[in-house]
């Protein structure tokens, strides 16, 4: 397991949660992504591992509670990105006040 996943495994277990195969796959998917992902996009990337969409929702809720992921609401859709160990460089979000798009 990578050093980053070990860090999250320890954090999750210290807070009383089990570090399951599903959590590991969802975290790896988010860590490797260079874009913000919504639940459907995460699910489509991992469904081949027999992980249901309800499991994605539940685990993202836990990750958000533990401060592992950041949730961004863009045009009434929630997107997720890692707070640490992200594949993306540091970036800032700007929202156009006229058209509500993210620039």
C-alpha atoms as a PDB file:
ATOM      1  CA  UNK A   1       0.000   0.000   0.000  1.00  0.00           C
ATOM      2  CA  UNK A   2       1.253   3.507  -0.765  1.00  0.00           C
ATOM      3  CA  UNK A   3       2.351   5.896   1.958  1.00  0.00           C
ATOM      4  CA  UNK A   4      -0.655   8.109   1.234  1.00  0.00           C
ATOM      5  CA  UNK A   5      -3.103   5.215   1.553  1.00  0.00           C
ATOM      6  CA  UNK A   6      -1.391   4.156   4.788  1.00  0.00           C
ATOM      7  CA  UNK A   7      -1.952   7.673   6.120  1.00  0.00           C
ATOM      8  CA  UNK A   8      -5.677   7.530   5.279  1.00  0.00           C
ATOM      9  CA  UNK A   9      -5.994   3.969   6.600  1.00  0.00           C
ATOM     10  CA  UNK A  10      -4.584   5.070   9.964  1.00  0.00           C
ATOM     11  CA  UNK A  11      -6.777   8.178  10.071  1.00  0.00           C
ATOM     12  CA  UNK A  12      -9.943   6.241   9.218  1.00  0.00           C
ATOM     13  CA  UNK A  13      -9.219   3.477  11.736  1.00  0.00           C
ATOM     14  CA  UNK A  14      -8.286   5.981  14.482  1.00  0.00           C
ATOM     15  CA  UNK A  15     -11.742   7.511  14.070  1.00  0.00           C
ATOM     16  CA  UNK A  16     -13.411   4.118  14.548  1.00  0.00           C
ATOM     17  CA  UNK A  17     -14.167   3.199  10.939  1.00  0.00           C
ATOM     18  CA  UNK A  18     -13.024   0.105   9.064  1.00  0.00           C
ATOM     19  CA  UNK A  19     -10.650   0.634   6.158  1.00  0.00           C
ATOM     20  CA  UNK A  20     -12.477  -1.504   3.604  1.00  0.00           C
ATOM     21  CA  UNK A  21     -11.616  -2.478   0.048  1.00  0.00           C
ATOM     22  CA  UNK A  22     -14.332  -0.065  -1.099  1.00  0.00           C
ATOM     23  CA  UNK A  23     -12.808   2.860   0.806  1.00  0.00           C
ATOM     24  CA  UNK A  24      -9.397   2.049  -0.641  1.00  0.00           C
ATOM     25  CA  UNK A  25     -10.700   1.965  -4.243  1.00  0.00           C
ATOM     26  CA  UNK A  26     -12.677   5.206  -3.859  1.00  0.00           C
ATOM     27  CA  UNK A  27      -9.679   6.987  -2.324  1.00  0.00           C
ATOM     28  CA  UNK A  28      -7.331   5.741  -5.048  1.00  0.00           C
ATOM     29  CA  UNK A  29      -9.778   6.946  -7.707  1.00  0.00           C
ATOM     30  CA  UNK A  30      -9.943  10.418  -6.177  1.00  0.00           C
ATOM     31  CA  UNK A  31      -6.176  10.589  -5.616  1.00  0.00           C
ATOM     32  CA  UNK A  32      -5.445   9.703  -9.245  1.00  0.00           C
ATOM     33  CA  UNK A  33      -7.965  12.139 -10.721  1.00  0.00           C
ATOM     34  CA  UNK A  34      -6.861  15.434 -12.246  1.00  0.00           C
ATOM     35  CA  UNK A  35     -10.432  16.770 -12.269  1.00  0.00           C
ATOM     36  CA  UNK A  36     -13.244  17.134  -9.753  1.00  0.00           C
ATOM     37  CA  UNK A  37     -15.490  14.077  -9.821  1.00  0.00           C
ATOM     38  CA  UNK A  38     -19.164  13.767  -8.964  1.00  0.00           C
ATOM     39  CA  UNK A  39     -20.680  10.604  -7.482  1.00  0.00           C
ATOM     40  CA  UNK A  40     -21.747   9.233 -10.875  1.00  0.00           C
ATOM     41  CA  UNK A  41     -18.255   9.714 -12.299  1.00  0.00           C
ATOM     42  CA  UNK A  42     -16.644   8.005  -9.323  1.00  0.00           C
ATOM     43  CA  UNK A  43     -19.159   5.165  -9.539  1.00  0.00           C
ATOM     44  CA  UNK A  44     -18.567   4.688 -13.281  1.00  0.00           C
ATOM     45  CA  UNK A  45     -14.818   4.400 -12.684  1.00  0.00           C
ATOM     46  CA  UNK A  46     -15.128   1.782  -9.925  1.00  0.00           C
ATOM     47  CA  UNK A  47     -18.299  -0.201 -10.652  1.00  0.00           C
ATOM     48  CA  UNK A  48     -16.231  -2.985 -12.255  1.00  0.00           C
ATOM     49  CA  UNK A  49     -15.101  -3.748  -8.676  1.00  0.00           C
ATOM     50  CA  UNK A  50     -18.717  -4.567  -7.684  1.00  0.00           C
ATOM     51  CA  UNK A  51     -19.060  -1.396  -5.628  1.00  0.00           C
ATOM     52  CA  UNK A  52     -22.566   0.079  -5.577  1.00  0.00           C
ATOM     53  CA  UNK A  53     -23.445   3.731  -5.883  1.00  0.00           C
ATOM     54  CA  UNK A  54     -24.900   3.768  -2.338  1.00  0.00           C
ATOM     55  CA  UNK A  55     -21.475   2.667  -1.063  1.00  0.00           C
ATOM     56  CA  UNK A  56     -19.879   5.582  -2.914  1.00  0.00           C
ATOM     57  CA  UNK A  57     -22.319   8.029  -1.278  1.00  0.00           C
ATOM     58  CA  UNK A  58     -21.766   6.545   2.204  1.00  0.00           C
ATOM     59  CA  UNK A  59     -17.990   6.584   1.956  1.00  0.00           C
ATOM     60  CA  UNK A  60     -17.827  10.118   0.559  1.00  0.00           C
ATOM     61  CA  UNK A  61     -19.929  11.229   3.529  1.00  0.00           C
ATOM     62  CA  UNK A  62     -17.393   9.613   5.898  1.00  0.00           C
ATOM     63  CA  UNK A  63     -14.428  11.089   3.987  1.00  0.00           C
ATOM     64  CA  UNK A  64     -16.013  14.534   4.121  1.00  0.00           C
ATOM     65  CA  UNK A  65     -16.684  14.188   7.869  1.00  0.00           C
ATOM     66  CA  UNK A  66     -13.050  13.198   8.475  1.00  0.00           C
ATOM     67  CA  UNK A  67     -11.699  16.076   6.346  1.00  0.00           C
ATOM     68  CA  UNK A  68     -10.231  13.800   3.682  1.00  0.00           C
ATOM     69  CA  UNK A  69     -12.237  15.177   0.772  1.00  0.00           C
ATOM     70  CA  UNK A  70     -13.642  18.560  -0.116  1.00  0.00           C
ATOM     71  CA  UNK A  71     -17.149  18.837  -1.559  1.00  0.00           C
ATOM     72  CA  UNK A  72     -17.818  21.519  -4.167  1.00  0.00           C
ATOM     73  CA  UNK A  73     -21.369  22.340  -5.206  1.00  0.00           C
ATOM     74  CA  UNK A  74     -21.345  23.542  -8.799  1.00  0.00           C
ATOM     75  CA  UNK A  75     -24.686  24.222 -10.464  1.00  0.00           C
ATOM     76  CA  UNK A  76     -26.521  21.962  -7.975  1.00  0.00           C
ATOM     77  CA  UNK A  77     -24.111  19.035  -8.510  1.00  0.00           C
ATOM     78  CA  UNK A  78     -21.692  17.971  -5.779  1.00  0.00           C
ATOM     79  CA  UNK A  79     -18.134  17.325  -6.915  1.00  0.00           C
ATOM     80  CA  UNK A  80     -15.362  15.865  -4.792  1.00  0.00           C
ATOM     81  CA  UNK A  81     -11.612  16.279  -4.609  1.00  0.00           C
ATOM     82  CA  UNK A  82      -8.934  15.220  -2.171  1.00  0.00           C
ATOM     83  CA  UNK A  83      -7.753  17.738   0.392  1.00  0.00           C
ATOM     84  CA  UNK A  84      -4.352  15.982   0.554  1.00  0.00           C
ATOM     85  CA  UNK A  85      -2.335  13.832  -1.851  1.00  0.00           C
ATOM     86  CA  UNK A  86      -4.307  14.940  -4.893  1.00  0.00           C
ATOM     87  CA  UNK A  87      -3.101  14.393  -8.443  1.00  0.00           C
ATOM     88  CA  UNK A  88      -4.117  17.979  -9.183  1.00  0.00           C
ATOM     89  CA  UNK A  89      -1.874  20.990  -8.649  1.00  0.00           C
ATOM     90  CA  UNK A  90      -3.085  23.646  -6.214  1.00  0.00           C
ATOM     91  CA  UNK A  91      -5.832  25.660  -7.870  1.00  0.00           C
ATOM     92  CA  UNK A  92      -8.476  28.255  -7.115  1.00  0.00           C
ATOM     93  CA  UNK A  93     -12.159  28.158  -8.083  1.00  0.00           C
ATOM     94  CA  UNK A  94     -13.888  31.208  -9.525  1.00  0.00           C
ATOM     95  CA  UNK A  95     -17.612  31.253 -10.255  1.00  0.00           C
ATOM     96  CA  UNK A  96     -19.054  33.592 -12.876  1.00  0.00           C
ATOM     97  CA  UNK A  97     -21.891  35.582 -11.319  1.00  0.00           C
ATOM     98  CA  UNK A  98     -23.686  35.890 -14.659  1.00  0.00           C
ATOM     99  CA  UNK A  99     -23.678  32.323 -15.969  1.00  0.00           C
ATOM    100  CA  UNK A 100     -22.684  30.376 -12.793  1.00  0.00           C
ATOM    101  CA  UNK A 101     -19.918  28.515 -14.613  1.00  0.00           C
ATOM    102  CA  UNK A 102     -16.631  27.723 -12.913  1.00  0.00           C
ATOM    103  CA  UNK A 103     -13.620  29.408 -14.510  1.00  0.00           C
END
